[in-house]
Amino acid sequence: MADISYFIGEKELWNKGIATQAINLVCDFGFHELHLHRIEAGAYEKAVGSCKALEKNGFMREGVFRRQVMSDGEYINGYRYGWLANEYKKF
C-alpha cells in the first residue's frame, strides 16, 4: 500500500491535465513495478480539480472527514480515495 500526494502551485498550470497524467504515471509505476495492491490519496472538497483528477484515473472516494480543516474562515470536508490494483487500467 502507498499514499500519493501532489501539488501544482502555479495557477496558470491548473486545468491542463498535468495532475491527471502525473497521478497515472506514478500509479502505473506503483502497480506494475512495485506490485502494490492499493494506492491511497486525499483531497479537500474545495480542491475540485484534484478530486476530478483522482476520479478520472479510477480512484474511488471511500471516506469523508466531515469539517476536517479550516479554509477561508469555514470548516470544509476532507475526502479519502483508494485505488486497487485489480481495478487499474492505464488510460
PDB file of N, CA and C in Angstrom:
ATOM      1  N   MET A   1       0.845  -1.165   0.000  1.00  0.00           N
ATOM      2  CA  MET A   1       0.000   0.000   0.000  1.00  0.00           C
ATOM      3  C   MET A   1       0.889   1.225   0.000  1.00  0.00           C
ATOM      4  N   ALA A   2       0.455   2.250  -0.709  1.00  0.00           N
ATOM      5  CA  ALA A   2       1.183   3.518  -0.742  1.00  0.00           C
ATOM      6  C   ALA A   2       0.182   4.663  -0.733  1.00  0.00           C
ATOM      7  N   ASP A   3       0.668   5.812  -0.347  1.00  0.00           N
ATOM      8  CA  ASP A   3      -0.133   7.032  -0.326  1.00  0.00           C
ATOM      9  C   ASP A   3       0.558   8.040  -1.240  1.00  0.00           C
ATOM     10  N   ILE A   4      -0.195   8.646  -2.154  1.00  0.00           N
ATOM     11  CA  ILE A   4       0.400   9.645  -3.036  1.00  0.00           C
ATOM     12  C   ILE A   4      -0.097  11.032  -2.663  1.00  0.00           C
ATOM     13  N   SER A   5       0.713  12.017  -3.013  1.00  0.00           N
ATOM     14  CA  SER A   5       0.373  13.412  -2.798  1.00  0.00           C
ATOM     15  C   SER A   5       0.971  14.213  -3.941  1.00  0.00           C
ATOM     16  N   TYR A   6       0.360  15.317  -4.287  1.00  0.00           N
ATOM     17  CA  TYR A   6       0.825  16.147  -5.397  1.00  0.00           C
ATOM     18  C   TYR A   6       0.353  17.573  -5.144  1.00  0.00           C
ATOM     19  N   PHE A   7       1.047  18.527  -5.761  1.00  0.00           N
ATOM     20  CA  PHE A   7       0.692  19.934  -5.596  1.00  0.00           C
ATOM     21  C   PHE A   7       1.184  20.697  -6.816  1.00  0.00           C
ATOM     22  N   ILE A   8       0.291  21.384  -7.481  1.00  0.00           N
ATOM     23  CA  ILE A   8       0.658  22.258  -8.595  1.00  0.00           C
ATOM     24  C   ILE A   8       0.408  23.684  -8.116  1.00  0.00           C
ATOM     25  N   GLY A   9       1.478  24.390  -7.785  1.00  0.00           N
ATOM     26  CA  GLY A   9       1.366  25.700  -7.181  1.00  0.00           C
ATOM     27  C   GLY A   9       1.069  26.835  -8.141  1.00  0.00           C
ATOM     28  N   GLU A  10       1.464  26.705  -9.377  1.00  0.00           N
ATOM     29  CA  GLU A  10       1.240  27.759 -10.371  1.00  0.00           C
ATOM     30  C   GLU A  10      -0.169  27.648 -10.943  1.00  0.00           C
ATOM     31  N   LYS A  11      -1.033  28.598 -10.594  1.00  0.00           N
ATOM     32  CA  LYS A  11      -2.436  28.516 -11.008  1.00  0.00           C
ATOM     33  C   LYS A  11      -2.613  28.492 -12.518  1.00  0.00           C
ATOM     34  N   GLU A  12      -1.690  29.103 -13.272  1.00  0.00           N
ATOM     35  CA  GLU A  12      -1.821  29.076 -14.729  1.00  0.00           C
ATOM     36  C   GLU A  12      -1.591  27.682 -15.310  1.00  0.00           C
ATOM     37  N   LEU A  13      -1.101  26.763 -14.494  1.00  0.00           N
ATOM     38  CA  LEU A  13      -0.902  25.378 -14.930  1.00  0.00           C
ATOM     39  C   LEU A  13      -2.054  24.461 -14.522  1.00  0.00           C
ATOM     40  N   TRP A  14      -3.028  25.009 -13.791  1.00  0.00           N
ATOM     41  CA  TRP A  14      -4.191  24.217 -13.402  1.00  0.00           C
ATOM     42  C   TRP A  14      -5.078  23.952 -14.624  1.00  0.00           C
ATOM     43  N   ASN A  15      -5.869  22.891 -14.554  1.00  0.00           N
ATOM     44  CA  ASN A  15      -6.845  22.531 -15.598  1.00  0.00           C
ATOM     45  C   ASN A  15      -6.206  22.240 -16.947  1.00  0.00           C
ATOM     46  N   LYS A  16      -5.012  21.711 -16.933  1.00  0.00           N
ATOM     47  CA  LYS A  16      -4.321  21.336 -18.158  1.00  0.00           C
ATOM     48  C   LYS A  16      -4.047  19.833 -18.227  1.00  0.00           C
ATOM     49  N   GLY A  17      -4.562  19.085 -17.242  1.00  0.00           N
ATOM     50  CA  GLY A  17      -4.379  17.639 -17.234  1.00  0.00           C
ATOM     51  C   GLY A  17      -3.052  17.179 -16.652  1.00  0.00           C
ATOM     52  N   ILE A  18      -2.273  18.100 -16.108  1.00  0.00           N
ATOM     53  CA  ILE A  18      -0.952  17.745 -15.579  1.00  0.00           C
ATOM     54  C   ILE A  18      -1.075  16.809 -14.379  1.00  0.00           C
ATOM     55  N   ALA A  19      -1.946  17.148 -13.436  1.00  0.00           N
ATOM     56  CA  ALA A  19      -2.119  16.299 -12.251  1.00  0.00           C
ATOM     57  C   ALA A  19      -2.671  14.931 -12.649  1.00  0.00           C
ATOM     58  N   THR A  20      -3.629  14.913 -13.562  1.00  0.00           N
ATOM     59  CA  THR A  20      -4.211  13.644 -14.013  1.00  0.00           C
ATOM     60  C   THR A  20      -3.129  12.738 -14.585  1.00  0.00           C
ATOM     61  N   GLN A  21      -2.271  13.294 -15.437  1.00  0.00           N
ATOM     62  CA  GLN A  21      -1.211  12.495 -16.043  1.00  0.00           C
ATOM     63  C   GLN A  21      -0.174  12.069 -15.009  1.00  0.00           C
ATOM     64  N   ALA A  22       0.192  12.975 -14.114  1.00  0.00           N
ATOM     65  CA  ALA A  22       1.181  12.634 -13.084  1.00  0.00           C
ATOM     66  C   ALA A  22       0.666  11.516 -12.182  1.00  0.00           C
ATOM     67  N   ILE A  23      -0.593  11.603 -11.784  1.00  0.00           N
ATOM     68  CA  ILE A  23      -1.198  10.557 -10.946  1.00  0.00           C
ATOM     69  C   ILE A  23      -1.139   9.224 -11.668  1.00  0.00           C
ATOM     70  N   ASN A  24      -1.487   9.210 -12.947  1.00  0.00           N
ATOM     71  CA  ASN A  24      -1.489   7.962 -13.701  1.00  0.00           C
ATOM     72  C   ASN A  24      -0.093   7.375 -13.822  1.00  0.00           C
ATOM     73  N   LEU A  25       0.908   8.201 -14.083  1.00  0.00           N
ATOM     74  CA  LEU A  25       2.276   7.704 -14.224  1.00  0.00           C
ATOM     75  C   LEU A  25       2.802   7.127 -12.918  1.00  0.00           C
ATOM     76  N   VAL A  26       2.551   7.818 -11.819  1.00  0.00           N
ATOM     77  CA  VAL A  26       3.005   7.335 -10.515  1.00  0.00           C
ATOM     78  C   VAL A  26       2.299   6.030 -10.151  1.00  0.00           C
ATOM     79  N   CYS A  27       1.004   5.968 -10.406  1.00  0.00           N
ATOM     80  CA  CYS A  27       0.247   4.753 -10.071  1.00  0.00           C
ATOM     81  C   CYS A  27       0.624   3.586 -10.977  1.00  0.00           C
ATOM     82  N   ASP A  28       0.899   3.874 -12.246  1.00  0.00           N
ATOM     83  CA  ASP A  28       1.370   2.818 -13.150  1.00  0.00           C
ATOM     84  C   ASP A  28       2.655   2.206 -12.604  1.00  0.00           C
ATOM     85  N   PHE A  29       3.568   3.054 -12.173  1.00  0.00           N
ATOM     86  CA  PHE A  29       4.810   2.571 -11.573  1.00  0.00           C
ATOM     87  C   PHE A  29       4.527   1.768 -10.299  1.00  0.00           C
ATOM     88  N   GLY A  30       3.645   2.284  -9.461  1.00  0.00           N
ATOM     89  CA  GLY A  30       3.317   1.607  -8.212  1.00  0.00           C
ATOM     90  C   GLY A  30       2.696   0.238  -8.413  1.00  0.00           C
ATOM     91  N   PHE A  31       1.768   0.145  -9.345  1.00  0.00           N
ATOM     92  CA  PHE A  31       1.090  -1.128  -9.573  1.00  0.00           C
ATOM     93  C   PHE A  31       1.962  -2.121 -10.344  1.00  0.00           C
ATOM     94  N   HIS A  32       2.685  -1.646 -11.363  1.00  0.00           N
ATOM     95  CA  HIS A  32       3.443  -2.568 -12.206  1.00  0.00           C
ATOM     96  C   HIS A  32       4.870  -2.846 -11.738  1.00  0.00           C
ATOM     97  N   GLU A  33       5.543  -1.847 -11.243  1.00  0.00           N
ATOM     98  CA  GLU A  33       6.936  -2.036 -10.829  1.00  0.00           C
ATOM     99  C   GLU A  33       7.071  -2.418  -9.359  1.00  0.00           C
ATOM    100  N   LEU A  34       6.256  -1.809  -8.512  1.00  0.00           N
ATOM    101  CA  LEU A  34       6.336  -2.090  -7.079  1.00  0.00           C
ATOM    102  C   LEU A  34       5.344  -3.155  -6.633  1.00  0.00           C
ATOM    103  N   HIS A  35       4.437  -3.546  -7.532  1.00  0.00           N
ATOM    104  CA  HIS A  35       3.427  -4.572  -7.265  1.00  0.00           C
ATOM    105  C   HIS A  35       2.569  -4.244  -6.042  1.00  0.00           C
ATOM    106  N   LEU A  36       2.209  -2.970  -5.928  1.00  0.00           N
ATOM    107  CA  LEU A  36       1.325  -2.562  -4.841  1.00  0.00           C
ATOM    108  C   LEU A  36      -0.078  -3.099  -5.083  1.00  0.00           C
ATOM    109  N   HIS A  37      -0.789  -3.380  -4.032  1.00  0.00           N
ATOM    110  CA  HIS A  37      -2.170  -3.832  -4.195  1.00  0.00           C
ATOM    111  C   HIS A  37      -3.158  -2.686  -4.006  1.00  0.00           C
ATOM    112  N   ARG A  38      -2.679  -1.545  -3.455  1.00  0.00           N
ATOM    113  CA  ARG A  38      -3.574  -0.429  -3.161  1.00  0.00           C
ATOM    114  C   ARG A  38      -2.779   0.868  -3.116  1.00  0.00           C
ATOM    115  N   ILE A  39      -3.379   1.932  -3.656  1.00  0.00           N
ATOM    116  CA  ILE A  39      -2.799   3.267  -3.564  1.00  0.00           C
ATOM    117  C   ILE A  39      -3.893   4.193  -3.045  1.00  0.00           C
ATOM    118  N   GLU A  40      -3.518   5.064  -2.111  1.00  0.00           N
ATOM    119  CA  GLU A  40      -4.479   5.977  -1.496  1.00  0.00           C
ATOM    120  C   GLU A  40      -4.072   7.423  -1.756  1.00  0.00           C
ATOM    121  N   ALA A  41      -5.047   8.325  -1.642  1.00  0.00           N
ATOM    122  CA  ALA A  41      -4.799   9.766  -1.784  1.00  0.00           C
ATOM    123  C   ALA A  41      -5.889  10.513  -1.035  1.00  0.00           C
ATOM    124  N   GLY A  42      -5.643  11.775  -0.764  1.00  0.00           N
ATOM    125  CA  GLY A  42      -6.631  12.606  -0.094  1.00  0.00           C
ATOM    126  C   GLY A  42      -6.801  13.924  -0.821  1.00  0.00           C
ATOM    127  N   ALA A  43      -7.946  14.561  -0.622  1.00  0.00           N
ATOM    128  CA  ALA A  43      -8.217  15.876  -1.209  1.00  0.00           C
ATOM    129  C   ALA A  43      -9.269  16.575  -0.357  1.00  0.00           C
ATOM    130  N   TYR A  44      -9.310  17.888  -0.463  1.00  0.00           N
ATOM    131  CA  TYR A  44     -10.328  18.667   0.240  1.00  0.00           C
ATOM    132  C   TYR A  44     -11.438  19.053  -0.724  1.00  0.00           C
ATOM    133  N   GLU A  45     -12.632  19.257  -0.204  1.00  0.00           N
ATOM    134  CA  GLU A  45     -13.781  19.489  -1.055  1.00  0.00           C
ATOM    135  C   GLU A  45     -13.638  20.715  -1.945  1.00  0.00           C
ATOM    136  N   LYS A  46     -12.900  21.723  -1.534  1.00  0.00           N
ATOM    137  CA  LYS A  46     -12.701  22.906  -2.381  1.00  0.00           C
ATOM    138  C   LYS A  46     -11.720  22.650  -3.520  1.00  0.00           C
ATOM    139  N   ALA A  47     -10.949  21.573  -3.433  1.00  0.00           N
ATOM    140  CA  ALA A  47      -9.980  21.217  -4.476  1.00  0.00           C
ATOM    141  C   ALA A  47     -10.678  20.345  -5.517  1.00  0.00           C
ATOM    142  N   VAL A  48     -11.640  20.940  -6.211  1.00  0.00           N
ATOM    143  CA  VAL A  48     -12.468  20.205  -7.166  1.00  0.00           C
ATOM    144  C   VAL A  48     -11.617  19.568  -8.258  1.00  0.00           C
ATOM    145  N   GLY A  49     -10.612  20.295  -8.759  1.00  0.00           N
ATOM    146  CA  GLY A  49      -9.740  19.746  -9.796  1.00  0.00           C
ATOM    147  C   GLY A  49      -8.979  18.525  -9.331  1.00  0.00           C
ATOM    148  N   SER A  50      -8.541  18.536  -8.097  1.00  0.00           N
ATOM    149  CA  SER A  50      -7.821  17.399  -7.543  1.00  0.00           C
ATOM    150  C   SER A  50      -8.743  16.181  -7.432  1.00  0.00           C
ATOM    151  N   CYS A  51      -9.960  16.411  -6.965  1.00  0.00           N
ATOM    152  CA  CYS A  51     -10.931  15.309  -6.876  1.00  0.00           C
ATOM    153  C   CYS A  51     -11.214  14.730  -8.254  1.00  0.00           C
ATOM    154  N   LYS A  52     -11.387  15.599  -9.247  1.00  0.00           N
ATOM    155  CA  LYS A  52     -11.648  15.133 -10.621  1.00  0.00           C
ATOM    156  C   LYS A  52     -10.471  14.348 -11.174  1.00  0.00           C
ATOM    157  N   ALA A  53      -9.239  14.819 -10.916  1.00  0.00           N
ATOM    158  CA  ALA A  53      -8.050  14.118 -11.409  1.00  0.00           C
ATOM    159  C   ALA A  53      -7.956  12.721 -10.823  1.00  0.00           C
ATOM    160  N   LEU A  54      -8.248  12.586  -9.540  1.00  0.00           N
ATOM    161  CA  LEU A  54      -8.222  11.259  -8.920  1.00  0.00           C
ATOM    162  C   LEU A  54      -9.299  10.363  -9.505  1.00  0.00           C
ATOM    163  N   GLU A  55     -10.501  10.888  -9.630  1.00  0.00           N
ATOM    164  CA  GLU A  55     -11.625  10.089 -10.142  1.00  0.00           C
ATOM    165  C   GLU A  55     -11.447   9.725 -11.615  1.00  0.00           C
ATOM    166  N   LYS A  56     -10.854  10.610 -12.426  1.00  0.00           N
ATOM    167  CA  LYS A  56     -10.573  10.294 -13.836  1.00  0.00           C
ATOM    168  C   LYS A  56      -9.641   9.099 -13.948  1.00  0.00           C
ATOM    169  N   ASN A  57      -8.744   8.963 -12.990  1.00  0.00           N
ATOM    170  CA  ASN A  57      -7.783   7.866 -13.005  1.00  0.00           C
ATOM    171  C   ASN A  57      -8.359   6.558 -12.489  1.00  0.00           C
ATOM    172  N   GLY A  58      -9.474   6.599 -11.799  1.00  0.00           N
ATOM    173  CA  GLY A  58     -10.056   5.369 -11.289  1.00  0.00           C
ATOM    174  C   GLY A  58     -10.136   5.282  -9.777  1.00  0.00           C
ATOM    175  N   PHE A  59      -9.647   6.303  -9.077  1.00  0.00           N
ATOM    176  CA  PHE A  59      -9.754   6.303  -7.627  1.00  0.00           C
ATOM    177  C   PHE A  59     -11.221   6.404  -7.221  1.00  0.00           C
ATOM    178  N   MET A  60     -11.559   5.707  -6.160  1.00  0.00           N
ATOM    179  CA  MET A  60     -12.912   5.744  -5.608  1.00  0.00           C
ATOM    180  C   MET A  60     -12.888   6.516  -4.303  1.00  0.00           C
ATOM    181  N   ARG A  61     -13.860   7.409  -4.131  1.00  0.00           N
ATOM    182  CA  ARG A  61     -13.973   8.113  -2.853  1.00  0.00           C
ATOM    183  C   ARG A  61     -14.481   7.116  -1.823  1.00  0.00           C
ATOM    184  N   GLU A  62     -13.686   6.887  -0.796  1.00  0.00           N
ATOM    185  CA  GLU A  62     -14.014   5.875   0.200  1.00  0.00           C
ATOM    186  C   GLU A  62     -14.391   6.454   1.556  1.00  0.00           C
ATOM    187  N   GLY A  63     -14.091   7.715   1.748  1.00  0.00           N
ATOM    188  CA  GLY A  63     -14.396   8.285   3.044  1.00  0.00           C
ATOM    189  C   GLY A  63     -14.517   9.794   2.999  1.00  0.00           C
ATOM    190  N   VAL A  64     -15.307  10.310   3.911  1.00  0.00           N
ATOM    191  CA  VAL A  64     -15.471  11.751   4.072  1.00  0.00           C
ATOM    192  C   VAL A  64     -15.146  12.084   5.521  1.00  0.00           C
ATOM    193  N   PHE A  65     -14.230  13.015   5.705  1.00  0.00           N
ATOM    194  CA  PHE A  65     -13.891  13.519   7.026  1.00  0.00           C
ATOM    195  C   PHE A  65     -14.608  14.856   7.158  1.00  0.00           C
ATOM    196  N   ARG A  66     -15.745  14.815   7.813  1.00  0.00           N
ATOM    197  CA  ARG A  66     -16.610  15.990   7.891  1.00  0.00           C
ATOM    198  C   ARG A  66     -15.936  17.134   8.631  1.00  0.00           C
ATOM    199  N   ARG A  67     -16.016  18.299   7.990  1.00  0.00           N
ATOM    200  CA  ARG A  67     -15.495  19.530   8.582  1.00  0.00           C
ATOM    201  C   ARG A  67     -14.085  19.321   9.151  1.00  0.00           C
ATOM    202  N   GLN A  68     -13.212  18.786   8.334  1.00  0.00           N
ATOM    203  CA  GLN A  68     -11.877  18.384   8.778  1.00  0.00           C
ATOM    204  C   GLN A  68     -10.902  19.542   8.920  1.00  0.00           C
ATOM    205  N   VAL A  69     -11.006  20.540   8.061  1.00  0.00           N
ATOM    206  CA  VAL A  69      -9.986  21.589   8.032  1.00  0.00           C
ATOM    207  C   VAL A  69     -10.640  22.955   7.808  1.00  0.00           C
ATOM    208  N   MET A  70     -10.009  23.983   8.361  1.00  0.00           N
ATOM    209  CA  MET A  70     -10.492  25.351   8.194  1.00  0.00           C
ATOM    210  C   MET A  70      -9.940  25.909   6.887  1.00  0.00           C
ATOM    211  N   SER A  71     -10.814  26.495   6.065  1.00  0.00           N
ATOM    212  CA  SER A  71     -10.421  27.119   4.803  1.00  0.00           C
ATOM    213  C   SER A  71     -11.253  28.375   4.597  1.00  0.00           C
ATOM    214  N   ASP A  72     -10.596  29.504   4.480  1.00  0.00           N
ATOM    215  CA  ASP A  72     -11.280  30.785   4.279  1.00  0.00           C
ATOM    216  C   ASP A  72     -12.355  31.031   5.331  1.00  0.00           C
ATOM    217  N   GLY A  73     -12.053  30.716   6.574  1.00  0.00           N
ATOM    218  CA  GLY A  73     -12.953  31.001   7.676  1.00  0.00           C
ATOM    219  C   GLY A  73     -14.084  30.020   7.889  1.00  0.00           C
ATOM    220  N   GLU A  74     -14.077  28.909   7.155  1.00  0.00           N
ATOM    221  CA  GLU A  74     -15.110  27.886   7.342  1.00  0.00           C
ATOM    222  C   GLU A  74     -14.471  26.501   7.347  1.00  0.00           C
ATOM    223  N   TYR A  75     -15.121  25.592   8.030  1.00  0.00           N
ATOM    224  CA  TYR A  75     -14.645  24.211   8.015  1.00  0.00           C
ATOM    225  C   TYR A  75     -15.157  23.512   6.769  1.00  0.00           C
ATOM    226  N   ILE A  76     -14.258  22.779   6.113  1.00  0.00           N
ATOM    227  CA  ILE A  76     -14.639  22.031   4.912  1.00  0.00           C
ATOM    228  C   ILE A  76     -14.294  20.560   5.096  1.00  0.00           C
ATOM    229  N   ASN A  77     -14.914  19.735   4.273  1.00  0.00           N
ATOM    230  CA  ASN A  77     -14.709  18.291   4.336  1.00  0.00           C
ATOM    231  C   ASN A  77     -13.394  17.879   3.675  1.00  0.00           C
ATOM    232  N   GLY A  78     -12.826  16.807   4.182  1.00  0.00           N
ATOM    233  CA  GLY A  78     -11.704  16.146   3.541  1.00  0.00           C
ATOM    234  C   GLY A  78     -12.192  14.815   2.987  1.00  0.00           C
ATOM    235  N   TYR A  79     -11.642  14.426   1.860  1.00  0.00           N
ATOM    236  CA  TYR A  79     -12.031  13.170   1.214  1.00  0.00           C
ATOM    237  C   TYR A  79     -10.841  12.227   1.171  1.00  0.00           C
ATOM    238  N   ARG A  80     -11.115  10.960   1.288  1.00  0.00           N
ATOM    239  CA  ARG A  80     -10.082   9.924   1.181  1.00  0.00           C
ATOM    240  C   ARG A  80     -10.447   9.029   0.006  1.00  0.00           C
ATOM    241  N   TYR A  81      -9.465   8.780  -0.851  1.00  0.00           N
ATOM    242  CA  TYR A  81      -9.648   7.981  -2.058  1.00  0.00           C
ATOM    243  C   TYR A  81      -8.767   6.738  -2.025  1.00  0.00           C
ATOM    244  N   GLY A  82      -9.216   5.691  -2.690  1.00  0.00           N
ATOM    245  CA  GLY A  82      -8.434   4.474  -2.825  1.00  0.00           C
ATOM    246  C   GLY A  82      -8.557   3.908  -4.230  1.00  0.00           C
ATOM    247  N   TRP A  83      -7.500   3.219  -4.664  1.00  0.00           N
ATOM    248  CA  TRP A  83      -7.479   2.570  -5.983  1.00  0.00           C
ATOM    249  C   TRP A  83      -6.795   1.228  -5.797  1.00  0.00           C
ATOM    250  N   LEU A  84      -7.452   0.162  -6.220  1.00  0.00           N
ATOM    251  CA  LEU A  84      -6.918  -1.191  -6.064  1.00  0.00           C
ATOM    252  C   LEU A  84      -6.294  -1.664  -7.374  1.00  0.00           C
ATOM    253  N   ALA A  85      -5.266  -2.473  -7.255  1.00  0.00           N
ATOM    254  CA  ALA A  85      -4.538  -2.956  -8.431  1.00  0.00           C
ATOM    255  C   ALA A  85      -5.453  -3.678  -9.409  1.00  0.00           C
ATOM    256  N   ASN A  86      -6.406  -4.442  -8.902  1.00  0.00           N
ATOM    257  CA  ASN A  86      -7.279  -5.201  -9.824  1.00  0.00           C
ATOM    258  C   ASN A  86      -8.282  -4.288 -10.532  1.00  0.00           C
ATOM    259  N   GLU A  87      -8.379  -3.020 -10.148  1.00  0.00           N
ATOM    260  CA  GLU A  87      -9.242  -2.051 -10.817  1.00  0.00           C
ATOM    261  C   GLU A  87      -8.470  -1.169 -11.805  1.00  0.00           C
ATOM    262  N   TYR A  88      -7.155  -1.289 -11.798  1.00  0.00           N
ATOM    263  CA  TYR A  88      -6.292  -0.398 -12.556  1.00  0.00           C
ATOM    264  C   TYR A  88      -6.376  -0.661 -14.065  1.00  0.00           C
ATOM    265  N   LYS A  89      -6.547   0.424 -14.821  1.00  0.00           N
ATOM    266  CA  LYS A  89      -6.448   0.388 -16.281  1.00  0.00           C
ATOM    267  C   LYS A  89      -5.686   1.653 -16.689  1.00  0.00           C
ATOM    268  N   LYS A  90      -4.634   1.503 -17.445  1.00  0.00           N
ATOM    269  CA  LYS A  90      -3.885   2.661 -17.916  1.00  0.00           C
ATOM    270  C   LYS A  90      -4.668   3.355 -19.013  1.00  0.00           C
ATOM    271  N   PHE A  91      -4.791   4.675 -18.909  1.00  0.00           N
ATOM    272  CA  PHE A  91      -5.546   5.396 -19.947  1.00  0.00           C
ATOM    273  C   PHE A  91      -4.648   5.839 -21.064  1.00  0.00           C
TER     274      PHE A  91
END
